[in-house]
Protein backbone atom coordinates (compact mmCIF):
# COMPACT_ATOMS: atom_id res chain seq x y z
CA MET A 1 105.31 90.64 125.65
CA ASP A 2 103.74 92.35 128.68
CA LYS A 3 99.94 92.55 128.22
CA GLU A 4 100.13 96.22 129.30
CA TYR A 5 102.90 97.21 126.90
CA LEU A 6 100.87 100.18 125.61
CA ILE A 7 101.32 101.66 129.09
CA ASN A 8 104.83 100.47 129.91
CA GLU A 9 106.89 100.41 126.70
CA LYS A 10 108.36 103.44 124.92
CA PRO A 11 105.70 104.99 122.64
CA VAL A 12 107.52 104.17 119.39
CA LYS A 13 107.88 100.50 120.33
CA ALA A 14 104.41 100.18 121.86
CA LEU A 15 102.65 101.71 118.86
CA ALA A 16 104.77 99.81 116.34
CA VAL A 17 104.11 96.46 118.02
CA PHE A 18 100.40 97.22 118.25
CA THR A 19 99.97 98.76 114.79
CA LEU A 20 101.90 96.38 112.54
CA PRO A 21 99.66 93.33 113.11
CA MET A 22 96.62 95.58 112.63
CA ILE A 23 97.97 96.87 109.31
CA ILE A 24 98.70 93.38 108.03
CA GLY A 25 95.34 92.14 109.33
CA ASN A 26 93.38 95.01 107.79
CA LEU A 27 95.18 94.49 104.48
CA PHE A 28 93.99 90.91 104.49
CA GLN A 29 90.49 92.12 105.36
CA GLN A 30 90.58 94.43 102.35
CA PHE A 31 91.87 91.44 100.43
CA TYR A 32 88.33 90.06 100.69
CA THR A 33 86.76 92.82 98.64
CA MET A 34 89.75 93.22 96.35
CA VAL A 35 89.73 89.54 95.38
CA ASP A 36 85.96 89.72 94.86
CA SER A 37 86.47 92.62 92.45
CA VAL A 38 89.46 91.12 90.64
CA VAL A 39 87.76 87.75 90.15
CA VAL A 40 84.47 89.15 88.82
CA GLY A 41 86.24 91.82 86.75
CA ARG A 42 88.63 89.41 85.05
CA PHE A 43 86.63 86.18 84.94
CA VAL A 44 83.00 87.34 84.66
CA SER A 45 82.63 90.77 83.04
CA GLU A 46 83.13 94.50 83.44
CA GLU A 47 79.41 94.71 84.22
CA ALA A 48 79.91 92.25 87.11
CA LEU A 49 82.66 94.46 88.52
CA ALA A 50 80.35 97.46 88.23
CA ALA A 51 77.59 95.50 90.03
CA VAL A 52 79.86 94.71 92.99
CA GLY A 53 81.09 98.31 92.98
CA ALA A 54 77.55 99.71 92.88
CA SER A 55 76.77 97.64 95.99
CA TYR A 56 79.89 98.79 97.83
CA SER A 57 78.71 102.19 99.07
CA PHE A 58 75.50 100.63 100.43
CA THR A 59 77.25 97.72 102.15
CA ASN A 60 79.87 100.11 103.48
CA VAL A 61 77.19 101.77 105.64
CA PHE A 62 76.78 98.52 107.55
CA ILE A 63 80.53 97.88 107.68
CA CYS A 64 81.01 101.30 109.25
CA ILE A 65 78.29 100.63 111.84
CA ALA A 66 80.14 97.43 112.77
CA ILE A 67 83.46 99.30 112.96
CA GLY A 68 81.89 102.03 115.10
CA GLY A 69 80.54 99.39 117.46
CA GLY A 70 83.98 97.83 117.69
CA VAL A 71 85.48 101.21 118.50
CA GLY A 72 83.07 101.70 121.40
CA ALA A 73 83.87 98.25 122.76
CA SER A 74 87.63 98.69 122.38
CA VAL A 75 87.84 102.10 124.07
CA ILE A 76 85.92 101.02 127.17
CA THR A 77 87.65 97.62 127.32
CA SER A 78 91.08 99.28 126.97
CA ARG A 79 90.29 101.74 129.72
CA TYR A 80 89.31 98.99 132.17
CA LEU A 81 92.43 97.04 131.24
CA GLY A 82 94.57 100.11 131.93
CA ALA A 83 92.87 100.49 135.32
CA ARG A 84 93.36 96.72 135.96
CA ASN A 85 89.63 96.24 136.49
CA TYR A 86 89.52 92.85 134.75
CA LYS A 87 85.96 91.98 135.75
CA LYS A 88 84.57 95.13 134.09
CA MET A 89 86.89 94.57 131.14
CA MET A 90 85.35 91.17 130.43
CA GLN A 91 81.82 92.40 131.08
CA SER A 92 82.23 95.25 128.62
CA ALA A 93 83.46 92.82 125.97
CA TYR A 94 80.57 90.38 126.37
CA THR A 95 78.07 93.25 126.59
CA ALA A 96 79.34 94.56 123.26
CA LEU A 97 79.02 91.14 121.60
CA ILE A 98 75.45 90.62 122.79
CA SER A 99 74.36 94.16 121.87
CA PHE A 100 75.78 94.12 118.36
CA LEU A 101 74.59 90.60 117.60
CA ILE A 102 71.03 91.80 118.18
CA LEU A 103 71.62 94.97 116.14
CA SER A 104 73.16 93.03 113.25
CA ILE A 105 70.15 90.70 113.01
CA LEU A 106 67.78 93.68 112.84
CA LEU A 107 69.88 95.41 110.18
CA ALA A 108 70.18 92.19 108.17
CA ALA A 109 66.39 91.89 108.09
CA PHE A 110 66.13 95.51 106.93
CA GLY A 111 68.66 94.93 104.16
CA LEU A 112 66.99 91.76 102.92
CA PHE A 113 63.65 93.55 102.57
CA TYR A 114 64.83 96.89 101.14
CA GLY A 115 68.22 96.25 99.48
CA ARG A 116 66.96 96.25 95.90
CA THR A 117 64.82 99.32 96.51
CA PHE A 118 67.88 101.25 97.69
CA MET A 119 69.87 100.19 94.62
CA VAL A 120 67.11 101.65 92.44
CA TYR A 121 67.22 104.92 94.41
CA LEU A 122 71.00 105.05 93.86
CA ASN A 123 70.52 105.22 90.08
CA THR A 124 72.09 101.78 89.57
CA PRO A 125 72.22 101.12 85.81
CA ASP A 126 69.46 98.74 84.68
CA ASN A 127 71.87 96.27 83.08
CA ILE A 128 73.57 95.49 86.42
CA LEU A 129 70.64 95.93 88.85
CA ASP A 130 69.81 92.22 89.12
CA MET A 131 73.44 91.25 89.76
CA ALA A 132 73.90 93.97 92.37
CA SER A 133 70.68 92.96 94.14
CA GLU A 134 71.68 89.28 94.26
CA TYR A 135 75.08 90.20 95.70
CA LEU A 136 73.36 92.28 98.39
CA ARG A 137 70.90 89.52 99.28
CA ILE A 138 73.70 87.08 100.13
CA TYR A 139 75.69 89.82 101.83
CA PHE A 140 72.88 90.54 104.29
CA TRP A 141 72.52 86.89 105.25
CA GLY A 142 76.12 87.10 106.43
CA LEU A 143 75.82 90.49 108.16
CA PRO A 144 75.83 89.05 111.73
CA PHE A 145 79.16 87.36 110.93
CA LEU A 146 80.58 90.70 109.77
CA PHE A 147 79.45 92.48 112.95
CA MET A 148 80.69 89.79 115.31
CA TYR A 149 84.06 89.59 113.60
CA ASN A 150 84.66 93.34 113.78
CA VAL A 151 83.66 93.55 117.45
CA LEU A 152 85.75 90.49 118.35
CA SER A 153 88.78 91.93 116.53
CA ALA A 154 88.35 95.25 118.34
CA ILE A 155 88.23 93.45 121.70
CA PHE A 156 91.41 91.50 120.95
CA ASN A 157 93.11 94.75 119.93
CA ALA A 158 91.87 96.45 123.10
CA ILE A 159 93.51 93.84 125.34
CA GLY A 160 96.77 94.04 123.41
CA ARG A 161 96.35 90.78 121.47
CA SER A 162 96.27 92.21 117.97
CA ARG A 163 98.11 89.19 116.55
CA ILE A 164 95.09 86.92 117.06
CA PRO A 165 92.84 88.82 114.58
CA LEU A 166 95.82 88.94 112.23
CA TYR A 167 96.25 85.18 112.14
CA LEU A 168 92.53 84.64 111.71
CA LEU A 169 92.37 87.18 108.89
CA ILE A 170 95.21 85.50 107.05
CA PHE A 171 93.42 82.18 107.33
CA SER A 172 90.00 83.52 106.31
CA SER A 173 91.42 85.60 103.45
CA LEU A 174 93.18 82.61 101.94
CA LEU A 175 89.99 80.59 102.37
CA ASN A 176 88.04 83.38 100.66
CA VAL A 177 90.46 83.43 97.70
CA PHE A 178 90.13 79.68 97.24
CA LEU A 179 86.33 79.80 97.46
CA ASP A 180 86.14 82.83 95.11
CA ILE A 181 88.11 81.08 92.39
CA TYR A 182 86.34 77.76 92.90
CA MET A 183 82.80 79.18 92.92
CA VAL A 184 83.32 81.62 90.04
CA CYS A 185 85.75 79.78 87.76
CA SER A 186 84.80 76.15 88.46
CA LEU A 187 81.13 76.38 89.36
CA GLY A 188 80.32 79.42 87.21
CA MET A 189 78.33 81.14 89.98
CA GLY A 190 79.29 84.68 88.91
CA VAL A 191 78.65 87.55 91.31
CA SER A 192 76.74 85.31 93.75
CA GLY A 193 79.82 83.07 93.97
CA VAL A 194 82.04 85.80 95.44
CA ALA A 195 79.28 86.75 97.87
CA TRP A 196 78.90 83.17 99.14
CA ALA A 197 82.68 82.83 99.40
CA THR A 198 82.85 85.84 101.71
CA PHE A 199 79.87 84.58 103.72
CA LEU A 200 81.51 81.22 104.40
CA ALA A 201 85.00 82.59 105.12
CA GLN A 202 83.69 85.17 107.60
CA GLY A 203 81.47 82.61 109.31
CA VAL A 204 84.39 80.29 110.02
CA SER A 205 86.48 83.21 111.32
CA VAL A 206 83.77 84.34 113.75
CA VAL A 207 83.43 80.90 115.34
CA LEU A 208 87.19 80.58 115.78
CA SER A 209 87.48 84.14 117.13
CA PHE A 210 84.83 83.60 119.79
CA LEU A 211 86.42 80.36 120.99
CA LEU A 212 89.80 82.08 121.25
CA LEU A 213 88.30 85.01 123.19
CA ILE A 214 86.83 82.62 125.76
CA LYS A 215 90.23 80.96 126.09
CA GLU A 216 91.93 84.35 126.47
CA PHE A 217 89.57 85.52 129.22
CA ARG A 218 90.18 82.35 131.23
CA LYS A 219 93.66 83.73 131.97
CA TYR A 220 92.09 86.38 134.18
CA SER A 221 91.09 85.31 137.68
CA SER A 222 88.03 87.58 137.90
CA HIS A 223 84.63 85.88 138.05
CA LEU A 224 81.61 87.23 136.17
CA GLU A 225 78.17 87.18 137.77
CA ALA A 226 76.54 88.17 134.45
CA ALA A 227 77.73 88.51 130.86
CA PHE A 228 75.61 91.59 130.15
CA ASP A 229 76.26 94.66 132.28
CA THR A 230 73.96 97.68 131.98
CA ALA A 231 76.59 100.17 133.19
CA SER A 232 79.11 98.86 130.65
CA PHE A 233 76.46 99.12 127.93
CA PHE A 234 75.82 102.80 128.63
CA ASP A 235 79.54 103.59 128.98
CA MET A 236 80.20 101.87 125.67
CA SER A 237 77.25 103.61 124.02
CA LYS A 238 78.65 107.05 124.90
CA VAL A 239 81.63 106.28 122.67
CA ALA A 240 80.07 103.85 120.20
CA LEU A 241 77.02 105.91 119.22
CA PRO A 242 78.94 109.04 118.13
CA SER A 243 81.46 106.80 116.36
CA ILE A 244 78.65 104.87 114.63
CA LEU A 245 76.98 108.18 113.76
CA GLN A 246 80.21 109.52 112.31
CA GLN A 247 81.02 106.31 110.42
CA SER A 248 77.51 105.74 109.10
CA THR A 249 76.76 109.35 108.14
CA VAL A 250 79.97 109.51 106.14
CA SER A 251 78.92 106.28 104.43
CA ILE A 252 75.43 107.61 103.82
CA GLY A 253 77.04 110.67 102.30
CA MET A 254 79.10 108.40 100.09
CA LEU A 255 75.84 106.77 99.02
CA LEU A 256 74.82 110.15 97.62
CA VAL A 257 78.20 110.42 95.92
CA GLN A 258 77.75 106.89 94.57
CA SER A 259 74.41 107.87 93.06
CA VAL A 260 76.21 110.66 91.20
CA VAL A 261 78.86 108.23 89.91
CA ASN A 262 76.19 105.67 88.91
CA SER A 263 74.53 108.29 86.72
CA PHE A 264 77.66 108.40 84.52
CA GLY A 265 77.07 104.81 83.34
CA THR A 266 78.51 101.32 83.74
CA GLU A 267 81.96 101.97 82.22
CA MET A 268 82.83 104.92 84.48
CA LEU A 269 81.33 103.05 87.44
CA ALA A 270 83.61 100.07 86.78
CA GLY A 271 86.71 102.30 86.66
CA PHE A 272 85.64 104.20 89.77
CA SER A 273 84.97 100.90 91.59
CA ALA A 274 88.45 99.63 90.80
CA ALA A 275 90.04 102.87 92.04
CA MET A 276 87.97 102.81 95.24
CA ARG A 277 89.24 99.32 96.03
CA ILE A 278 92.80 100.62 95.76
CA GLU A 279 91.97 103.66 97.89
CA SER A 280 90.56 101.40 100.61
CA ILE A 281 93.87 99.52 100.69
CA CYS A 282 95.89 102.76 100.84
CA ILE A 283 93.83 103.92 103.83
CA VAL A 284 94.53 100.69 105.76
CA PRO A 285 97.78 101.79 107.47
CA MET A 286 96.28 105.19 108.29
CA ALA A 287 93.18 103.62 109.85
CA ALA A 288 95.32 101.13 111.79
CA ILE A 289 97.43 103.96 113.22
CA GLY A 290 94.26 105.84 114.21
CA ASN A 291 92.77 102.76 115.89
CA ALA A 292 96.07 102.07 117.66
CA MET A 293 96.05 105.65 118.93
CA SER A 294 92.55 105.08 120.35
CA SER A 295 93.62 102.06 122.41
CA TYR A 296 96.93 103.68 123.36
CA THR A 297 95.14 106.83 124.55
CA ALA A 298 92.42 104.93 126.42
CA GLN A 299 94.86 102.66 128.25
CA ASN A 300 97.21 105.47 129.24
CA LEU A 301 94.40 107.73 130.41
CA GLY A 302 92.94 104.77 132.31
CA ALA A 303 96.31 104.38 134.03
CA ALA A 304 96.46 108.17 134.66
CA ARG A 305 99.54 108.56 132.44
CA GLN A 306 98.48 111.53 130.36
CA GLU A 307 102.06 112.56 129.61
CA ARG A 308 102.56 109.50 127.40
CA VAL A 309 99.61 110.34 125.14
CA ARG A 310 101.18 113.43 123.55
CA LYS A 311 104.45 111.57 122.93
CA GLY A 312 102.52 108.74 121.30
CA TYR A 313 100.62 111.20 119.12
CA HIS A 314 103.83 112.68 117.68
CA THR A 315 105.27 109.21 117.15
CA ALA A 316 102.14 108.09 115.30
CA ASN A 317 102.32 111.17 113.05
CA GLY A 318 105.81 110.05 112.07
CA PHE A 319 104.38 106.67 111.07
CA VAL A 320 101.72 108.44 109.00
CA LEU A 321 104.33 110.46 107.11
CA PHE A 322 106.31 107.31 106.25
CA PHE A 323 103.29 105.48 104.84
CA ALA A 324 102.04 108.55 102.95
CA VAL A 325 105.36 108.84 101.09
CA VAL A 326 105.37 105.14 100.19
CA ILE A 327 101.76 105.27 98.96
CA ALA A 328 102.41 108.38 96.85
CA ILE A 329 105.42 106.79 95.15
CA VAL A 330 103.60 103.53 94.39
CA LEU A 331 100.44 105.17 93.03
CA GLU A 332 102.20 107.77 90.90
CA CYS A 333 104.42 105.11 89.30
CA PHE A 334 102.00 102.21 88.92
CA TYR A 335 98.42 103.55 88.83
CA SER A 336 97.67 102.22 85.35
CA PRO A 337 98.84 98.59 85.86
CA ILE A 338 96.96 98.51 89.17
CA VAL A 339 93.68 99.53 87.54
CA ARG A 340 94.22 97.01 84.73
CA LEU A 341 94.56 94.29 87.36
CA PHE A 342 90.87 94.74 88.10
CA LEU A 343 89.55 95.40 84.61
CA GLY A 344 91.62 92.86 82.70
CA GLU A 345 92.69 93.19 79.08
CA ASN A 346 89.11 93.68 77.94
CA GLY A 347 88.48 96.75 80.08
CA THR A 348 87.08 99.67 78.12
CA GLN A 349 89.12 102.81 77.61
CA LEU A 350 86.62 104.95 79.50
CA ALA A 351 86.80 102.67 82.55
CA LEU A 352 90.61 102.77 82.47
CA GLN A 353 90.68 106.57 82.15
CA THR A 354 88.32 106.95 85.10
CA GLY A 355 90.31 104.65 87.39
CA ASN A 356 93.65 106.12 86.33
CA GLY A 357 92.46 109.70 86.84
CA TYR A 358 91.25 108.97 90.37
CA LEU A 359 94.41 107.22 91.56
CA LYS A 360 96.86 109.62 89.88
CA PHE A 361 95.19 112.58 91.59
CA MET A 362 94.69 110.98 95.01
CA GLY A 363 98.23 109.67 95.42
CA PHE A 364 99.50 112.93 96.92
CA PHE A 365 96.80 113.40 99.56
CA PHE A 366 96.83 110.34 101.83
CA ILE A 367 98.97 112.30 104.30
CA LEU A 368 95.81 114.30 105.10
CA ILE A 369 93.64 111.32 105.97
CA GLY A 370 96.50 109.79 107.97
CA LEU A 371 96.91 112.88 110.16
CA LYS A 372 93.12 113.18 110.42
CA MET A 373 92.69 109.57 111.56
CA ASN A 374 95.51 109.81 114.06
CA THR A 375 94.07 112.96 115.63
CA ASP A 376 90.55 111.50 115.57
CA GLY A 377 91.93 108.35 117.19
CA LEU A 378 93.32 110.30 120.12
CA LEU A 379 90.04 112.18 120.67
CA ARG A 380 88.05 108.96 120.38
CA GLY A 381 90.31 107.14 122.84
CA ALA A 382 89.77 110.01 125.29
CA ALA A 383 85.98 109.84 124.69
CA ASP A 384 86.15 113.49 123.53
CA MET A 385 83.42 112.91 120.98
CA LYS A 386 81.71 116.28 120.41
CA MET A 387 84.30 117.95 118.17
CA PHE A 388 85.26 114.55 116.75
CA THR A 389 81.71 114.21 115.45
CA ILE A 390 81.50 117.82 114.20
CA ALA A 391 84.79 117.44 112.31
CA ASN A 392 83.67 114.30 110.52
CA LEU A 393 80.27 115.75 109.68
CA ALA A 394 81.97 118.80 108.16
CA ASN A 395 84.10 116.43 106.09
CA LEU A 396 80.98 114.65 104.90
CA ALA A 397 79.02 117.81 104.12
CA LEU A 398 81.76 119.28 101.95
CA ARG A 399 82.37 116.09 99.99
CA VAL A 400 78.70 115.54 99.28
CA PHE A 401 78.03 119.18 98.40
CA ILE A 402 80.89 119.39 95.91
CA ALA A 403 80.13 116.01 94.31
CA VAL A 404 76.39 116.53 94.00
CA THR A 405 76.50 120.14 92.77
CA MET A 406 79.70 120.18 90.71
CA ALA A 407 80.09 116.69 89.16
CA PRO A 408 76.95 116.85 86.96
CA ARG A 409 78.19 120.17 85.56
CA PHE A 410 81.97 119.70 85.34
CA GLY A 411 82.40 115.92 85.15
CA ILE A 412 83.09 112.92 87.36
CA ALA A 413 86.54 114.23 88.40
CA MET A 414 84.79 116.61 90.81
CA VAL A 415 83.90 113.54 92.90
CA TRP A 416 87.53 112.94 93.79
CA TYR A 417 88.57 116.59 93.90
CA ALA A 418 86.19 116.90 96.85
CA VAL A 419 87.90 114.14 98.88
CA PRO A 420 91.12 115.87 100.05
CA ILE A 421 89.18 119.09 100.75
CA GLY A 422 86.94 117.18 103.16
CA TRP A 423 89.93 115.45 104.78
CA LEU A 424 91.70 118.80 105.31
CA ILE A 425 88.70 120.45 107.00
CA ASN A 426 88.26 117.40 109.25
CA LEU A 427 91.95 117.50 110.23
CA LEU A 428 91.91 121.21 111.06
CA ILE A 429 88.86 120.93 113.33
CA SER A 430 90.14 117.82 115.12
CA PHE A 431 93.63 119.29 115.56
CA MET A 432 92.25 122.49 117.09
CA GLU A 433 90.32 120.36 119.59
CA TYR A 434 93.49 118.39 120.38
CA ARG A 435 95.35 121.65 121.04
CA THR A 436 92.82 122.63 123.72
CA GLY A 437 94.04 119.72 125.88
CA LYS A 438 90.52 118.78 127.03
CA TRP A 439 91.30 115.12 126.35
CA LYS A 440 93.73 115.10 129.31
CA CYS A 441 90.84 115.22 131.76
CA ARG A 442 89.47 111.79 130.76
CA SER A 443 90.14 108.78 132.97
CA ALA A 444 88.78 105.34 133.81
CA THR A 445 85.51 105.07 135.66
């Protein structure tokens, strides 16, 4: 297909072709953490599942920084591709890789030194603290792989080659499953086994991704004088920093929420962890649509084709509605068997009740996060970051306030009651900004 199909094809076809590989790829990426949780929950213990779950909100801060960096790289790279400035396109990609490799090494060092201390601050139950800390230690050794993979995937998506990350994710996910089962079931490595499995699978994927990117860029005739470009770095930072701020502050807020959940004990934490893994899978198509809208918007604004952006936005909202209906039907019919998949037959009743309650309630509300992510994706692709950031911070503030003030008094259910309220406020603010039409003024530089 034409490399510039996001500019030339009809919106419904362009977005479908771009989004589907991203959805499948992101599902396989979530497969990493889901398999980790299933293996430790069924073959180690409920405490092991709680330990991995207790680590999740902390590790998610770093995942979101990596995703935010990828967003910055993809928007600028897409814009240069739309303007057919291939030299700047390649420079922006290599600049992103160099910048985030350095950042990932610094953050990995921070995590190795202070990971256990943070788990103590998060009220991690004493009986799982050692397991959670060991999982984090291995995780941080592999943090540069995580960063490089997310930035490389974003670059491939930005140049319209979203199938490459898909194929690599399928390969690495299957490798991760094999290593999980081998290290936990055969070698008896417990929680550390799933952490090492992820480390190795991601490492192999990063090496292959980088080699394929070099091969892909050889198709362009432009010659680079230098891999790192200061102008590209600052252009990327204007988009990446607000996105990183938004992603990381939401994750930091979820750390506060996690500390509330941890205070309810290991059994509720295990059930909540299982439900959160399912939620992360349900969000995958919504996030993919939002990311597709970012690249679609950036390329079309770069090509000065603003009229296509609005059509694409309405098309993407139709995709969101379809996936929201499917998710609601699946969760409302099968929430209990899904939670049992993680906890096994020996899962406690309290853990099951917690997981079931979360999923049964949340099934009806994924339409909100889908519309929010699609609208945010358009604003991000247009580099209209001010209201984008305000909307996401409002989302965060509400969720944290309700969870921290209400859950200790009225029970753990207040943690998930706060979620759709935050999504709705975020959507309303972002949509009002979209209606102003300010995003139409953005173009390639």
